[in-house]
């Protein structure tokens, strides 16, 4: 599934998904459908595991991250400010109990109890580490004499999060000239 937050143009999500599928899954048969009737526009992709040449699709975690980055790149090509961040990094974790376990629990047929909801402690710790890392990068760049304009055009969201959450108020990045140095370049 390829999705974006509500407010994103569903047709652009569909176009970017089509470009993503062509680039990453072109050797496989696939079908896709756009869902725009829910809170966020998203595209479901169903892919035949065996390619036209007999090679099986067996994605690993690194492949999934690459796919996220490719989809974000295709969205940026359509003018959507997208980043390939993991849900855990954004502080969003979804763990759904399988439907069969819920039904079996309701009917008293479940031999082991339903799992309690997971704590956010690990998520908050991981997200804090990410923000701290961005904070250190920003502070280091602020002290640097090297111009940084357009250095990371796709990370402006992360930099603004780092600034708003963990950069000390006395950091030189809070100055107007420094802020301009981190804005993305036009045309990237």
C-alpha atoms as a PDB file:
ATOM      1  CA  UNK A   1       0.000   0.000   0.000  1.00  0.00           C
ATOM      2  CA  UNK A   2       1.263   3.462  -0.920  1.00  0.00           C
ATOM      3  CA  UNK A   3      -0.373   6.262   1.038  1.00  0.00           C
ATOM      4  CA  UNK A   4      -0.221   9.949   1.870  1.00  0.00           C
ATOM      5  CA  UNK A   5      -1.908  12.089   4.542  1.00  0.00           C
ATOM      6  CA  UNK A   6      -5.349  13.558   3.999  1.00  0.00           C
ATOM      7  CA  UNK A   7      -5.317  16.718   1.922  1.00  0.00           C
ATOM      8  CA  UNK A   8      -2.974  15.213  -0.671  1.00  0.00           C
ATOM      9  CA  UNK A   9      -4.447  15.166  -4.179  1.00  0.00           C
ATOM     10  CA  UNK A  10      -5.548  11.535  -4.753  1.00  0.00           C
ATOM     11  CA  UNK A  11      -4.859  11.687  -8.492  1.00  0.00           C
ATOM     12  CA  UNK A  12      -1.258  12.689  -7.854  1.00  0.00           C
ATOM     13  CA  UNK A  13      -0.913   9.798  -5.391  1.00  0.00           C
ATOM     14  CA  UNK A  14      -2.227   7.494  -8.121  1.00  0.00           C
ATOM     15  CA  UNK A  15       0.128   8.925 -10.773  1.00  0.00           C
ATOM     16  CA  UNK A  16       3.127   8.625  -8.460  1.00  0.00           C
ATOM     17  CA  UNK A  17       2.103   5.060  -7.546  1.00  0.00           C
ATOM     18  CA  UNK A  18       1.855   4.177 -11.243  1.00  0.00           C
ATOM     19  CA  UNK A  19       5.348   5.598 -11.865  1.00  0.00           C
ATOM     20  CA  UNK A  20       6.678   3.761  -8.803  1.00  0.00           C
ATOM     21  CA  UNK A  21       5.188   0.440  -9.946  1.00  0.00           C
ATOM     22  CA  UNK A  22       6.560   0.859 -13.448  1.00  0.00           C
ATOM     23  CA  UNK A  23      10.055   1.628 -12.115  1.00  0.00           C
ATOM     24  CA  UNK A  24      10.249  -0.953  -9.318  1.00  0.00           C
ATOM     25  CA  UNK A  25       7.860  -3.716 -10.371  1.00  0.00           C
ATOM     26  CA  UNK A  26       8.025  -3.467 -14.157  1.00  0.00           C
ATOM     27  CA  UNK A  27       9.138  -7.091 -14.574  1.00  0.00           C
ATOM     28  CA  UNK A  28       6.112  -8.347 -12.616  1.00  0.00           C
ATOM     29  CA  UNK A  29       2.414  -8.350 -13.367  1.00  0.00           C
ATOM     30  CA  UNK A  30       0.485  -6.120 -11.007  1.00  0.00           C
ATOM     31  CA  UNK A  31      -2.837  -4.410 -10.512  1.00  0.00           C
ATOM     32  CA  UNK A  32      -3.530  -1.278  -8.529  1.00  0.00           C
ATOM     33  CA  UNK A  33      -6.531   0.565  -7.161  1.00  0.00           C
ATOM     34  CA  UNK A  34      -6.837   4.070  -5.711  1.00  0.00           C
ATOM     35  CA  UNK A  35      -8.866   4.515  -2.534  1.00  0.00           C
ATOM     36  CA  UNK A  36      -9.808   8.125  -1.911  1.00  0.00           C
ATOM     37  CA  UNK A  37     -12.958   7.581   0.136  1.00  0.00           C
ATOM     38  CA  UNK A  38     -11.132   7.226   3.454  1.00  0.00           C
ATOM     39  CA  UNK A  39      -9.185   9.686   5.589  1.00  0.00           C
ATOM     40  CA  UNK A  40      -6.025   9.462   3.503  1.00  0.00           C
ATOM     41  CA  UNK A  41      -5.624   8.740  -0.214  1.00  0.00           C
ATOM     42  CA  UNK A  42      -3.825   5.472  -0.840  1.00  0.00           C
ATOM     43  CA  UNK A  43      -3.151   2.941  -3.572  1.00  0.00           C
ATOM     44  CA  UNK A  44      -3.250  -0.811  -3.079  1.00  0.00           C
ATOM     45  CA  UNK A  45      -0.859  -2.779  -5.269  1.00  0.00           C
ATOM     46  CA  UNK A  46      -1.206  -6.504  -5.796  1.00  0.00           C
ATOM     47  CA  UNK A  47       1.895  -7.997  -7.385  1.00  0.00           C
ATOM     48  CA  UNK A  48       2.478 -11.413  -8.882  1.00  0.00           C
ATOM     49  CA  UNK A  49       5.506 -12.806  -7.058  1.00  0.00           C
ATOM     50  CA  UNK A  50       7.032 -14.442 -10.138  1.00  0.00           C
ATOM     51  CA  UNK A  51       8.445 -12.045 -12.734  1.00  0.00           C
ATOM     52  CA  UNK A  52       8.119 -12.412 -16.500  1.00  0.00           C
ATOM     53  CA  UNK A  53      11.563 -14.036 -16.395  1.00  0.00           C
ATOM     54  CA  UNK A  54      10.804 -16.504 -13.586  1.00  0.00           C
ATOM     55  CA  UNK A  55      12.517 -14.571 -10.786  1.00  0.00           C
ATOM     56  CA  UNK A  56      10.556 -14.401  -7.532  1.00  0.00           C
ATOM     57  CA  UNK A  57       9.920 -11.163  -5.707  1.00  0.00           C
ATOM     58  CA  UNK A  58      11.176 -11.493  -2.124  1.00  0.00           C
ATOM     59  CA  UNK A  59      11.517  -8.002  -0.613  1.00  0.00           C
ATOM     60  CA  UNK A  60      13.551  -7.451   2.537  1.00  0.00           C
ATOM     61  CA  UNK A  61      13.393  -4.497   4.947  1.00  0.00           C
ATOM     62  CA  UNK A  62      16.003  -2.609   2.922  1.00  0.00           C
ATOM     63  CA  UNK A  63      13.909  -3.139  -0.223  1.00  0.00           C
ATOM     64  CA  UNK A  64      10.829  -1.762   1.518  1.00  0.00           C
ATOM     65  CA  UNK A  65      12.750   1.333   2.571  1.00  0.00           C
ATOM     66  CA  UNK A  66      14.034   1.739  -1.006  1.00  0.00           C
ATOM     67  CA  UNK A  67      10.453   1.499  -2.242  1.00  0.00           C
ATOM     68  CA  UNK A  68       9.370   4.190   0.249  1.00  0.00           C
ATOM     69  CA  UNK A  69      12.162   6.441  -1.006  1.00  0.00           C
ATOM     70  CA  UNK A  70      11.267   5.783  -4.645  1.00  0.00           C
ATOM     71  CA  UNK A  71       7.588   6.538  -4.043  1.00  0.00           C
ATOM     72  CA  UNK A  72       8.515   9.759  -2.210  1.00  0.00           C
ATOM     73  CA  UNK A  73      10.755  10.727  -5.128  1.00  0.00           C
ATOM     74  CA  UNK A  74       7.897  10.155  -7.588  1.00  0.00           C
ATOM     75  CA  UNK A  75       5.600  12.296  -5.412  1.00  0.00           C
ATOM     76  CA  UNK A  76       8.180  15.095  -5.300  1.00  0.00           C
ATOM     77  CA  UNK A  77       8.253  14.934  -9.104  1.00  0.00           C
ATOM     78  CA  UNK A  78       4.553  15.897  -8.985  1.00  0.00           C
ATOM     79  CA  UNK A  79       5.183  18.762  -6.562  1.00  0.00           C
ATOM     80  CA  UNK A  80       4.227  16.970  -3.336  1.00  0.00           C
ATOM     81  CA  UNK A  81       6.612  17.490  -0.402  1.00  0.00           C
ATOM     82  CA  UNK A  82       7.092  13.852   0.605  1.00  0.00           C
ATOM     83  CA  UNK A  83       9.658  12.029   2.700  1.00  0.00           C
ATOM     84  CA  UNK A  84      10.286   8.327   3.071  1.00  0.00           C
ATOM     85  CA  UNK A  85       9.963   8.141   6.823  1.00  0.00           C
ATOM     86  CA  UNK A  86       8.961   5.052   8.741  1.00  0.00           C
ATOM     87  CA  UNK A  87       5.821   5.155  10.858  1.00  0.00           C
ATOM     88  CA  UNK A  88       7.856   4.406  13.973  1.00  0.00           C
ATOM     89  CA  UNK A  89      10.096   7.434  13.309  1.00  0.00           C
ATOM     90  CA  UNK A  90       6.992   9.609  13.007  1.00  0.00           C
ATOM     91  CA  UNK A  91       5.690   8.196  16.305  1.00  0.00           C
ATOM     92  CA  UNK A  92       2.923   6.176  14.681  1.00  0.00           C
ATOM     93  CA  UNK A  93       2.673   2.503  15.468  1.00  0.00           C
ATOM     94  CA  UNK A  94      -0.204   0.303  14.500  1.00  0.00           C
ATOM     95  CA  UNK A  95      -0.501  -3.150  15.913  1.00  0.00           C
ATOM     96  CA  UNK A  96      -3.774  -4.795  15.147  1.00  0.00           C
ATOM     97  CA  UNK A  97      -4.769  -8.039  16.736  1.00  0.00           C
ATOM     98  CA  UNK A  98      -5.662 -10.559  13.996  1.00  0.00           C
ATOM     99  CA  UNK A  99      -9.406 -10.683  13.405  1.00  0.00           C
ATOM    100  CA  UNK A 100      -9.598 -14.408  14.134  1.00  0.00           C
ATOM    101  CA  UNK A 101      -8.130 -13.804  17.617  1.00  0.00           C
ATOM    102  CA  UNK A 102     -10.640 -11.028  18.320  1.00  0.00           C
ATOM    103  CA  UNK A 103     -13.571 -13.227  17.229  1.00  0.00           C
ATOM    104  CA  UNK A 104     -12.275 -16.236  19.162  1.00  0.00           C
ATOM    105  CA  UNK A 105     -11.853 -14.035  22.256  1.00  0.00           C
ATOM    106  CA  UNK A 106     -15.413 -12.728  21.958  1.00  0.00           C
ATOM    107  CA  UNK A 107     -16.716 -16.292  21.691  1.00  0.00           C
ATOM    108  CA  UNK A 108     -14.573 -17.576  24.581  1.00  0.00           C
ATOM    109  CA  UNK A 109     -12.566 -19.944  22.356  1.00  0.00           C
ATOM    110  CA  UNK A 110      -9.202 -18.201  22.760  1.00  0.00           C
ATOM    111  CA  UNK A 111      -6.664 -20.295  24.689  1.00  0.00           C
ATOM    112  CA  UNK A 112      -4.199 -17.442  25.237  1.00  0.00           C
ATOM    113  CA  UNK A 113      -5.373 -13.956  26.229  1.00  0.00           C
ATOM    114  CA  UNK A 114      -5.382 -11.054  23.800  1.00  0.00           C
ATOM    115  CA  UNK A 115      -2.169  -9.072  23.950  1.00  0.00           C
ATOM    116  CA  UNK A 116      -2.295  -5.785  25.850  1.00  0.00           C
ATOM    117  CA  UNK A 117      -1.692  -2.583  23.904  1.00  0.00           C
ATOM    118  CA  UNK A 118       1.995  -1.836  23.418  1.00  0.00           C
ATOM    119  CA  UNK A 119       3.646   0.921  25.372  1.00  0.00           C
ATOM    120  CA  UNK A 120       4.851   4.041  23.553  1.00  0.00           C
ATOM    121  CA  UNK A 121       8.051   4.096  25.610  1.00  0.00           C
ATOM    122  CA  UNK A 122      10.183   2.489  22.865  1.00  0.00           C
ATOM    123  CA  UNK A 123       8.670   4.712  20.200  1.00  0.00           C
ATOM    124  CA  UNK A 124       9.267   7.876  22.203  1.00  0.00           C
ATOM    125  CA  UNK A 125      12.851   6.795  22.887  1.00  0.00           C
ATOM    126  CA  UNK A 126      13.526   6.088  19.185  1.00  0.00           C
ATOM    127  CA  UNK A 127      11.878   9.323  18.068  1.00  0.00           C
ATOM    128  CA  UNK A 128      13.854  11.248  20.677  1.00  0.00           C
ATOM    129  CA  UNK A 129      17.088   9.759  19.322  1.00  0.00           C
ATOM    130  CA  UNK A 130      16.144  10.823  15.780  1.00  0.00           C
ATOM    131  CA  UNK A 131      15.361  14.376  16.881  1.00  0.00           C
ATOM    132  CA  UNK A 132      18.592  14.526  18.881  1.00  0.00           C
ATOM    133  CA  UNK A 133      20.588  13.394  15.835  1.00  0.00           C
ATOM    134  CA  UNK A 134      18.988  16.075  13.636  1.00  0.00           C
ATOM    135  CA  UNK A 135      19.614  18.622  16.345  1.00  0.00           C
ATOM    136  CA  UNK A 136      23.324  17.820  16.394  1.00  0.00           C
ATOM    137  CA  UNK A 137      23.530  17.992  12.603  1.00  0.00           C
ATOM    138  CA  UNK A 138      21.811  21.377  12.553  1.00  0.00           C
ATOM    139  CA  UNK A 139      23.990  22.743  15.357  1.00  0.00           C
ATOM    140  CA  UNK A 140      27.123  21.539  13.568  1.00  0.00           C
ATOM    141  CA  UNK A 141      26.029  23.174  10.335  1.00  0.00           C
ATOM    142  CA  UNK A 142      25.268  26.401  12.193  1.00  0.00           C
ATOM    143  CA  UNK A 143      28.844  26.529  13.467  1.00  0.00           C
ATOM    144  CA  UNK A 144      30.240  25.702  10.025  1.00  0.00           C
ATOM    145  CA  UNK A 145      31.536  28.356   7.640  1.00  0.00           C
ATOM    146  CA  UNK A 146      30.482  26.197   4.663  1.00  0.00           C
ATOM    147  CA  UNK A 147      27.352  27.391   2.833  1.00  0.00           C
ATOM    148  CA  UNK A 148      24.555  24.810   3.118  1.00  0.00           C
ATOM    149  CA  UNK A 149      21.903  26.180   0.760  1.00  0.00           C
ATOM    150  CA  UNK A 150      20.210  23.252  -1.003  1.00  0.00           C
ATOM    151  CA  UNK A 151      22.362  20.701   0.806  1.00  0.00           C
ATOM    152  CA  UNK A 152      19.431  18.405   1.644  1.00  0.00           C
ATOM    153  CA  UNK A 153      16.342  19.558  -0.242  1.00  0.00           C
ATOM    154  CA  UNK A 154      14.221  16.629   0.944  1.00  0.00           C
ATOM    155  CA  UNK A 155      14.938  17.047   4.656  1.00  0.00           C
ATOM    156  CA  UNK A 156      13.415  20.430   5.371  1.00  0.00           C
ATOM    157  CA  UNK A 157      10.593  18.794   7.350  1.00  0.00           C
ATOM    158  CA  UNK A 158      13.024  16.898   9.575  1.00  0.00           C
ATOM    159  CA  UNK A 159      15.101  20.021  10.134  1.00  0.00           C
ATOM    160  CA  UNK A 160      12.070  22.060  11.098  1.00  0.00           C
ATOM    161  CA  UNK A 161      10.972  19.320  13.499  1.00  0.00           C
ATOM    162  CA  UNK A 162      14.416  19.234  15.044  1.00  0.00           C
ATOM    163  CA  UNK A 163      14.455  23.015  15.375  1.00  0.00           C
ATOM    164  CA  UNK A 164      11.043  23.210  16.974  1.00  0.00           C
ATOM    165  CA  UNK A 165      11.584  20.355  19.417  1.00  0.00           C
ATOM    166  CA  UNK A 166      15.170  20.311  20.557  1.00  0.00           C
ATOM    167  CA  UNK A 167      17.364  23.161  19.308  1.00  0.00           C
ATOM    168  CA  UNK A 168      18.244  25.453  22.196  1.00  0.00           C
ATOM    169  CA  UNK A 169      16.773  28.946  21.950  1.00  0.00           C
ATOM    170  CA  UNK A 170      20.260  30.472  21.896  1.00  0.00           C
ATOM    171  CA  UNK A 171      21.267  28.508  18.776  1.00  0.00           C
ATOM    172  CA  UNK A 172      22.402  30.705  15.920  1.00  0.00           C
ATOM    173  CA  UNK A 173      20.096  28.749  13.605  1.00  0.00           C
ATOM    174  CA  UNK A 174      17.179  30.711  14.981  1.00  0.00           C
ATOM    175  CA  UNK A 175      18.499  33.787  13.150  1.00  0.00           C
ATOM    176  CA  UNK A 176      16.950  34.689   9.781  1.00  0.00           C
ATOM    177  CA  UNK A 177      20.174  34.318   7.778  1.00  0.00           C
ATOM    178  CA  UNK A 178      20.819  30.874   9.202  1.00  0.00           C
ATOM    179  CA  UNK A 179      17.237  29.743   8.591  1.00  0.00           C
ATOM    180  CA  UNK A 180      17.535  30.670   4.923  1.00  0.00           C
ATOM    181  CA  UNK A 181      20.628  28.503   4.633  1.00  0.00           C
ATOM    182  CA  UNK A 182      18.571  25.364   5.326  1.00  0.00           C
ATOM    183  CA  UNK A 183      15.700  26.038   2.944  1.00  0.00           C
ATOM    184  CA  UNK A 184      15.632  23.653  -0.017  1.00  0.00           C
ATOM    185  CA  UNK A 185      16.960  24.890  -3.326  1.00  0.00           C
ATOM    186  CA  UNK A 186      14.539  25.556  -6.156  1.00  0.00           C
ATOM    187  CA  UNK A 187      14.573  22.889  -8.854  1.00  0.00           C
ATOM    188  CA  UNK A 188      15.555  19.865  -6.734  1.00  0.00           C
END
